Amino acid sequence: MGFYLRKSIRVGPIRFNLSKSGIGVSGGMKGLRVGTGPRGTYVHMGRGGIYYRKTLSGNRNTPTQNENGAPREIVLPQTTPTEMHEIESSDVSCMTDSSSIELLEEINEKNKIPRMGPPTCVGSVLLLILLIASNVNPVLIFACVAFFGGIIYLAFRRDVINKTVVMFYDFDPALEKAYSNLHASALQLARCSGCWHISASGEVTDRKYHAGASELVERKNTTIKATPPGFIKTNIETIAIGVGRQILHFFPDRLLVFDNGRVGAVAYENLKVNVTQTRFIEGSAPRDARVVDQTWKYVNKKGGPDLRFANNPQLPICLYDELHLQSSSGLNELIQVSRCDVGEAFAKAVQALAQNIKM
């Protein structure tokens, strides 16, 4: 997940080139290209030494805290001991800031354009199957294969050209270092053996049946990786974190939140990343987790093993980092990783990026 900065990117037949004087756009084929330079209408300048280009456009609740440091436990399928409180963000339409309005309008507008590639591909395959079942001359079938192949290629190419938004970045040294640090800290999170999104939590009503835990949580495995959103081309690697139905993409100038084809934005100066350490009961400890204590699946009132149960295995209690991402516009997501020494670096990197953008 190393950080890089490309000097050119291609979208279909169009190429965007970054130079000291700005961004140039050219189109055509090898040996014959026509374009416009940095004084043309293709350049849009942003904040803090960042450039980006909008291209190809036509005319809730805070999570429950642990009580007295008591560990938490994952919700078992067969048990729902208490009401679970969801930890989720507001609708992405509420997430915006003044500097992102124009960008969000273009991304959301292009997301509404229907894709032609997939239905064209399915229709072509069905027609070929029908022709083959009708015992049509093999020469005609071969010609149809070539014809449909060309149609499918043009349909997918049309999708790329009509739906893609290009975001081109150029950094000053301070901002480049800040964004590089964000990548490095995200890489540490991605290397954790376990990475989870916590979507709900609730207090335990009877601890002895839940290994002595004070709180249960609903969590699912998630990923942290360097990957761009669909139909967005950029000359840098962006960090993506899955949070349930939404995906958080960390761009150099803002956080973009993607939710089923819709997009919201959170400025870094409005993004808070709070890191806490939590004790968590596991069935088996991840290989990089710090095991700080032991408990049993069923405990007595004193916290020891409940001897009434013959099958009562001992369970490890691990110390994890939890990252709570919040904004005043409604972002509210909780990420848990299996190490307890990596979250703070990521939080500091986000804060440093916000400070450099303000400069």
Protein backbone atom coordinates (compact mmCIF):
# COMPACT_ATOMS: atom_id res chain seq x y z
CA MET A 1 0.00 0.00 0.00
CA GLY A 2 2.92 2.36 -0.70
CA PHE A 3 2.10 5.96 -1.51
CA TYR A 4 2.69 7.13 -5.09
CA LEU A 5 1.93 10.14 -7.28
CA ARG A 6 1.42 9.51 -11.00
CA LYS A 7 2.05 12.27 -13.54
CA SER A 8 -0.58 11.06 -16.01
CA ILE A 9 -3.76 9.00 -16.01
CA ARG A 10 -5.95 7.72 -18.83
CA VAL A 11 -9.72 7.54 -19.08
CA GLY A 12 -10.73 5.81 -22.31
CA PRO A 13 -9.15 7.79 -25.18
CA ILE A 14 -8.42 10.82 -22.96
CA ARG A 15 -5.16 11.38 -21.09
CA PHE A 16 -4.53 13.83 -18.25
CA ASN A 17 -0.96 15.06 -17.77
CA LEU A 18 0.45 16.90 -14.76
CA SER A 19 3.30 19.39 -15.25
CA LYS A 20 4.77 22.27 -13.26
CA SER A 21 2.46 24.70 -15.05
CA GLY A 22 -0.72 22.76 -14.37
CA ILE A 23 -2.82 19.99 -15.91
CA GLY A 24 -3.06 19.27 -19.63
CA VAL A 25 -5.68 17.14 -21.34
CA SER A 26 -5.21 15.32 -24.62
CA GLY A 27 -7.15 12.80 -26.65
CA GLY A 28 -6.69 10.64 -29.69
CA MET A 29 -4.39 7.72 -30.41
CA LYS A 30 -0.69 6.99 -30.45
CA GLY A 31 1.09 9.37 -32.80
CA LEU A 32 -1.91 11.68 -33.15
CA ARG A 33 -3.27 13.44 -30.07
CA VAL A 34 -5.13 16.69 -29.60
CA GLY A 35 -5.38 18.41 -26.21
CA THR A 36 -5.57 21.53 -24.11
CA GLY A 37 -3.11 22.93 -21.60
CA PRO A 38 -3.28 24.39 -18.09
CA ARG A 39 -4.86 27.63 -19.29
CA GLY A 40 -7.81 25.77 -20.75
CA THR A 41 -11.11 25.04 -19.05
CA TYR A 42 -10.05 21.62 -17.79
CA VAL A 43 -8.29 22.76 -14.63
CA HIS A 44 -10.03 23.31 -11.32
CA MET A 45 -7.88 24.43 -8.37
CA GLY A 46 -8.55 23.39 -4.81
CA ARG A 47 -7.18 24.16 -1.37
CA GLY A 48 -3.78 23.68 0.21
CA GLY A 49 -1.74 23.09 -2.93
CA ILE A 50 -4.20 20.51 -4.30
CA TYR A 51 -5.52 20.50 -7.86
CA TYR A 52 -8.40 18.38 -9.05
CA ARG A 53 -10.28 18.22 -12.31
CA LYS A 54 -13.95 17.37 -12.79
CA THR A 55 -13.73 15.70 -16.15
CA LEU A 56 -15.83 14.36 -18.97
CA SER A 57 -18.82 16.43 -17.91
CA GLY A 58 -21.33 17.37 -20.58
CA ASN A 59 -23.22 20.62 -21.19
CA ARG A 60 -25.98 8.40 15.97
CA ASN A 61 -25.59 7.35 18.66
CA THR A 62 -22.32 7.21 20.62
CA PRO A 63 -21.27 3.59 21.37
CA THR A 64 -21.75 2.28 24.87
CA GLN A 65 -18.61 2.49 27.02
CA ASN A 66 -17.25 -0.42 29.05
CA GLU A 67 -18.20 -0.49 32.70
CA ASN A 68 -15.24 -0.55 35.12
CA GLY A 69 -12.98 -1.86 32.40
CA ALA A 70 -15.01 -5.08 32.04
CA PRO A 71 -14.46 -6.85 28.71
CA ARG A 72 -16.81 -6.93 25.77
CA GLU A 73 -17.98 -9.98 23.88
CA ILE A 74 -19.30 -10.64 20.39
CA VAL A 75 -23.02 -11.38 20.09
CA LEU A 76 -23.68 -15.11 19.72
CA PRO A 77 -26.35 -16.10 17.15
CA GLN A 78 -28.44 -17.93 19.71
CA THR A 79 -28.51 -15.13 22.26
CA THR A 80 -30.00 -11.65 22.31
CA PRO A 81 -29.82 -10.72 26.00
CA THR A 82 -30.74 -7.07 25.66
CA GLU A 83 -31.68 -4.36 23.22
CA MET A 84 -28.83 -3.56 20.84
CA HIS A 85 -28.16 0.07 19.96
CA GLU A 86 -27.02 0.72 16.42
CA ILE A 87 -23.79 2.58 15.74
CA GLU A 88 -24.25 4.00 12.28
CA SER A 89 -23.83 7.16 10.24
CA SER A 90 -26.52 9.50 8.98
CA ASP A 91 -27.57 9.51 5.34
CA VAL A 92 -24.72 10.55 3.05
CA SER A 93 -26.87 13.38 1.67
CA CYS A 94 -26.28 15.13 5.02
CA MET A 95 -22.51 14.85 4.69
CA THR A 96 -21.14 17.78 2.74
CA ASP A 97 -19.11 20.96 3.13
CA SER A 98 -18.92 24.13 1.06
CA SER A 99 -15.75 23.11 -0.77
CA SER A 100 -17.21 19.74 -1.84
CA ILE A 101 -20.61 20.74 -3.22
CA GLU A 102 -19.53 21.02 -6.85
CA LEU A 103 -17.55 17.77 -6.74
CA LEU A 104 -20.35 15.83 -5.05
CA GLU A 105 -22.89 17.11 -7.59
CA GLU A 106 -20.80 15.77 -10.44
CA ILE A 107 -20.09 12.40 -8.83
CA ASN A 108 -23.73 11.87 -7.89
CA GLU A 109 -24.90 13.05 -11.31
CA LYS A 110 -22.63 10.62 -13.12
CA ASN A 111 -23.57 7.79 -10.77
CA LYS A 112 -27.15 8.20 -12.02
CA ILE A 113 -26.15 7.54 -15.63
CA PRO A 114 -27.25 3.96 -16.41
CA ARG A 115 -24.54 1.50 -17.37
CA MET A 116 -24.73 0.05 -20.88
CA GLY A 117 -21.94 -2.53 -20.65
CA PRO A 118 -23.51 -5.24 -18.43
CA PRO A 119 -26.95 -5.33 -20.14
CA THR A 120 -25.30 -5.27 -23.59
CA CYS A 121 -23.08 -8.19 -22.59
CA VAL A 122 -26.01 -10.23 -21.23
CA GLY A 123 -28.19 -9.49 -24.28
CA SER A 124 -25.41 -10.45 -26.70
CA VAL A 125 -24.78 -13.75 -24.93
CA LEU A 126 -28.48 -14.62 -24.97
CA LEU A 127 -28.70 -13.86 -28.69
CA LEU A 128 -25.68 -16.04 -29.42
CA ILE A 129 -27.17 -18.89 -27.42
CA LEU A 130 -30.39 -18.51 -29.39
CA LEU A 131 -28.49 -18.57 -32.70
CA ILE A 132 -26.51 -21.64 -31.71
CA ALA A 133 -29.68 -23.45 -30.58
CA SER A 134 -31.28 -22.63 -33.96
CA ASN A 135 -28.46 -24.42 -35.85
CA VAL A 136 -27.47 -21.28 -37.74
CA ASN A 137 -24.55 -21.49 -40.19
CA PRO A 138 -21.24 -21.49 -38.21
CA VAL A 139 -19.87 -18.71 -40.43
CA LEU A 140 -22.77 -16.48 -39.46
CA ILE A 141 -22.28 -17.34 -35.79
CA PHE A 142 -18.60 -16.42 -36.05
CA ALA A 143 -19.53 -13.10 -37.65
CA CYS A 144 -22.06 -12.44 -34.87
CA VAL A 145 -19.44 -13.19 -32.24
CA ALA A 146 -17.13 -10.57 -33.77
CA PHE A 147 -19.98 -8.07 -34.13
CA PHE A 148 -21.30 -8.55 -30.59
CA GLY A 149 -17.76 -8.39 -29.22
CA GLY A 150 -17.32 -4.97 -30.81
CA ILE A 151 -20.67 -3.78 -29.47
CA ILE A 152 -19.80 -4.95 -25.96
CA TYR A 153 -16.41 -3.22 -26.12
CA LEU A 154 -18.00 0.07 -27.21
CA ALA A 155 -20.68 -0.18 -24.52
CA PHE A 156 -18.14 -0.63 -21.72
CA ARG A 157 -15.96 2.11 -23.18
CA ARG A 158 -18.99 4.40 -23.26
CA ASP A 159 -19.58 3.67 -19.55
CA VAL A 160 -16.00 4.59 -18.69
CA ILE A 161 -16.13 7.87 -20.61
CA ASN A 162 -19.59 8.98 -19.45
CA LYS A 163 -19.43 7.90 -15.81
CA THR A 164 -15.80 8.49 -14.80
CA VAL A 165 -14.77 11.47 -12.71
CA VAL A 166 -11.07 12.39 -12.66
CA MET A 167 -9.49 13.87 -9.54
CA PHE A 168 -5.94 15.02 -10.25
CA TYR A 169 -3.69 15.97 -7.31
CA ASP A 170 -0.45 17.89 -7.02
CA PHE A 171 1.14 18.32 -3.59
CA ASP A 172 3.37 20.80 -1.90
CA PRO A 173 6.10 19.05 0.20
CA ALA A 174 4.31 19.44 3.54
CA LEU A 175 1.02 18.08 2.25
CA GLU A 176 2.73 15.20 0.46
CA LYS A 177 4.44 14.20 3.70
CA ALA A 178 1.16 14.43 5.63
CA TYR A 179 -0.71 12.24 3.14
CA SER A 180 2.20 9.79 3.00
CA ASN A 181 1.99 9.45 6.79
CA LEU A 182 -1.73 8.70 6.48
CA HIS A 183 -0.87 5.88 4.07
CA ALA A 184 1.81 4.51 6.36
CA SER A 185 -0.47 4.49 9.40
CA ALA A 186 -3.31 2.91 7.39
CA LEU A 187 -0.88 0.20 6.28
CA GLN A 188 -0.28 -0.64 9.95
CA LEU A 189 -4.03 -1.00 10.48
CA ALA A 190 -4.35 -3.17 7.36
CA ARG A 191 -1.62 -5.52 8.61
CA CYS A 192 -3.56 -6.39 11.77
CA SER A 193 -4.71 -10.01 11.88
CA GLY A 194 -8.22 -8.85 12.73
CA CYS A 195 -10.10 -5.79 11.55
CA TRP A 196 -13.80 -5.41 12.31
CA HIS A 197 -16.66 -2.96 11.90
CA ILE A 198 -18.88 -2.70 14.97
CA SER A 199 -22.48 -1.91 14.04
CA ALA A 200 -24.30 -2.21 17.39
CA SER A 201 -23.74 -2.69 21.10
CA GLY A 202 -25.81 -3.46 24.18
CA GLU A 203 -25.40 -4.11 27.88
CA VAL A 204 -25.36 -7.67 29.21
CA THR A 205 -28.18 -8.51 31.63
CA ASP A 206 -26.66 -11.74 32.95
CA ARG A 207 -22.87 -11.81 32.81
CA LYS A 208 -22.44 -15.40 34.00
CA TYR A 209 -23.75 -16.71 30.66
CA HIS A 210 -21.52 -14.40 28.63
CA ALA A 211 -18.05 -15.08 30.02
CA GLY A 212 -18.39 -12.19 32.47
CA ALA A 213 -18.68 -9.56 29.73
CA SER A 214 -20.41 -6.27 30.53
CA GLU A 215 -21.34 -5.50 26.93
CA LEU A 216 -22.11 -7.38 23.74
CA VAL A 217 -21.38 -6.05 20.27
CA GLU A 218 -22.35 -6.96 16.74
CA ARG A 219 -19.28 -6.92 14.54
CA LYS A 220 -18.23 -8.13 11.10
CA ASN A 221 -14.87 -8.52 9.41
CA THR A 222 -13.92 -5.55 7.27
CA THR A 223 -10.99 -4.46 5.12
CA ILE A 224 -8.60 -1.53 5.01
CA LYS A 225 -6.80 -1.22 1.69
CA ALA A 226 -5.56 1.12 -1.02
CA THR A 227 -8.17 1.19 -3.78
CA PRO A 228 -10.08 3.92 -5.63
CA PRO A 229 -13.89 4.12 -5.75
CA GLY A 230 -15.60 2.80 -8.85
CA PHE A 231 -15.59 5.20 -11.82
CA ILE A 232 -13.18 7.61 -10.14
CA LYS A 233 -9.71 8.00 -11.66
CA THR A 234 -6.96 9.62 -9.66
CA ASN A 235 -3.19 9.87 -9.82
CA ILE A 236 -2.72 8.81 -6.17
CA GLU A 237 -3.65 5.80 -4.06
CA THR A 238 -6.59 6.34 -1.74
CA ILE A 239 -7.31 4.48 1.48
CA ALA A 240 -10.64 2.65 1.69
CA ILE A 241 -12.30 1.33 4.87
CA GLY A 242 -15.49 -0.70 4.74
CA VAL A 243 -18.09 0.25 7.37
CA GLY A 244 -21.13 -1.89 6.68
CA ARG A 245 -23.08 -0.69 3.67
CA GLN A 246 -20.83 2.36 3.34
CA ILE A 247 -17.20 2.70 2.26
CA LEU A 248 -14.92 5.48 3.50
CA HIS A 249 -12.34 6.73 0.97
CA PHE A 250 -9.59 8.95 2.34
CA PHE A 251 -8.56 11.43 -0.38
CA PRO A 252 -5.83 14.05 0.20
CA ASP A 253 -8.30 16.93 0.66
CA ARG A 254 -11.40 15.25 2.13
CA LEU A 255 -13.08 12.03 3.19
CA LEU A 256 -15.64 10.73 0.67
CA VAL A 257 -18.38 8.40 1.94
CA PHE A 258 -19.91 6.08 -0.66
CA ASP A 259 -23.28 4.42 -0.06
CA ASN A 260 -24.98 2.45 -2.85
CA GLY A 261 -24.15 4.89 -5.65
CA ARG A 262 -24.53 8.04 -3.53
CA VAL A 263 -21.65 10.07 -2.15
CA GLY A 264 -21.12 12.39 0.81
CA ALA A 265 -18.04 14.32 1.94
CA VAL A 266 -16.45 15.21 5.26
CA ALA A 267 -13.72 17.84 5.50
CA TYR A 268 -10.74 16.68 7.55
CA GLU A 269 -11.02 19.66 9.90
CA ASN A 270 -14.51 18.34 10.81
CA LEU A 271 -13.43 14.69 11.16
CA LYS A 272 -12.68 13.37 14.65
CA VAL A 273 -10.88 10.05 15.14
CA ASN A 274 -10.98 9.01 18.79
CA VAL A 275 -8.88 5.99 19.76
CA THR A 276 -9.56 3.92 22.87
CA GLN A 277 -8.37 0.55 24.08
CA THR A 278 -10.89 -2.13 24.96
CA ARG A 279 -10.74 -5.59 26.51
CA PHE A 280 -12.48 -8.12 24.29
CA ILE A 281 -13.31 -11.79 24.92
CA GLU A 282 -12.42 -14.04 21.98
CA GLY A 283 -12.97 -17.69 21.17
CA SER A 284 -9.32 -17.78 20.06
CA ALA A 285 -6.91 -14.85 20.09
CA PRO A 286 -5.64 -13.39 16.78
CA ARG A 287 -1.93 -14.05 16.32
CA ASP A 288 -0.94 -10.39 16.86
CA ALA A 289 -3.32 -9.68 19.76
CA ARG A 290 -2.11 -8.89 23.28
CA VAL A 291 -3.74 -11.35 25.66
CA VAL A 292 -4.15 -9.59 29.02
CA ASP A 293 -6.34 -12.04 30.94
CA GLN A 294 -8.40 -15.23 30.81
CA THR A 295 -12.03 -16.04 31.55
CA TRP A 296 -14.46 -18.92 31.07
CA LYS A 297 -17.45 -19.33 28.80
CA TYR A 298 -19.67 -19.62 31.89
CA VAL A 299 -18.61 -17.80 35.07
CA ASN A 300 -19.90 -17.80 38.64
CA LYS A 301 -20.66 -14.73 40.69
CA LYS A 302 -17.03 -14.45 41.79
CA GLY A 303 -15.75 -14.54 38.21
CA GLY A 304 -14.42 -18.09 38.36
CA PRO A 305 -15.57 -21.08 36.25
CA ASP A 306 -19.17 -22.20 36.77
CA LEU A 307 -18.78 -25.88 37.74
CA ARG A 308 -22.34 -26.70 36.71
CA PHE A 309 -21.23 -26.80 33.10
CA ALA A 310 -19.06 -29.71 31.97
CA ASN A 311 -18.15 -28.02 28.69
CA ASN A 312 -16.79 -24.72 29.96
CA PRO A 313 -13.64 -23.76 27.99
CA GLN A 314 -11.25 -21.05 29.09
CA LEU A 315 -11.29 -17.98 26.81
CA PRO A 316 -8.62 -15.30 26.22
CA ILE A 317 -9.27 -11.62 26.92
CA CYS A 318 -7.47 -9.45 24.34
CA LEU A 319 -6.60 -5.77 24.37
CA TYR A 320 -7.67 -4.04 21.13
CA ASP A 321 -7.65 -0.56 19.61
CA GLU A 322 -11.02 0.94 18.67
CA LEU A 323 -11.22 3.90 16.29
CA HIS A 324 -14.39 5.97 16.50
CA LEU A 325 -14.83 8.19 13.42
CA GLN A 326 -17.28 11.05 13.87
CA SER A 327 -18.26 14.34 12.29
CA SER A 328 -20.83 17.01 13.01
CA SER A 329 -22.51 16.16 9.68
CA GLY A 330 -23.47 12.67 10.88
CA LEU A 331 -20.53 10.33 10.34
CA ASN A 332 -20.51 7.78 13.18
CA GLU A 333 -18.52 4.58 12.64
CA LEU A 334 -16.58 2.28 14.95
CA ILE A 335 -13.62 0.20 13.76
CA GLN A 336 -11.81 -2.38 15.90
CA VAL A 337 -8.35 -3.82 15.16
CA SER A 338 -6.55 -6.70 16.85
CA ARG A 339 -3.53 -4.64 17.91
CA CYS A 340 -3.53 -2.00 20.61
CA ASP A 341 -0.67 0.19 19.42
CA VAL A 342 -1.60 1.29 15.88
CA GLY A 343 -4.77 3.40 16.08
CA GLU A 344 -3.20 6.52 17.58
CA ALA A 345 -0.82 6.97 14.64
CA PHE A 346 -3.74 6.96 12.22
CA ALA A 347 -5.66 9.50 14.30
CA LYS A 348 -2.63 11.80 14.44
CA ALA A 349 -2.11 11.45 10.67
CA VAL A 350 -5.70 12.58 10.01
CA GLN A 351 -5.21 15.54 12.34
CA ALA A 352 -1.92 16.51 10.67
CA LEU A 353 -3.55 16.33 7.23
CA ALA A 354 -6.32 18.67 8.40
CA GLN A 355 -3.77 21.17 9.71
CA ASN A 356 -1.80 21.15 6.44
CA ILE A 357 -4.93 21.73 4.34
CA LYS A 358 -5.77 24.81 6.43
CA MET A 359 -2.33 26.32 5.78
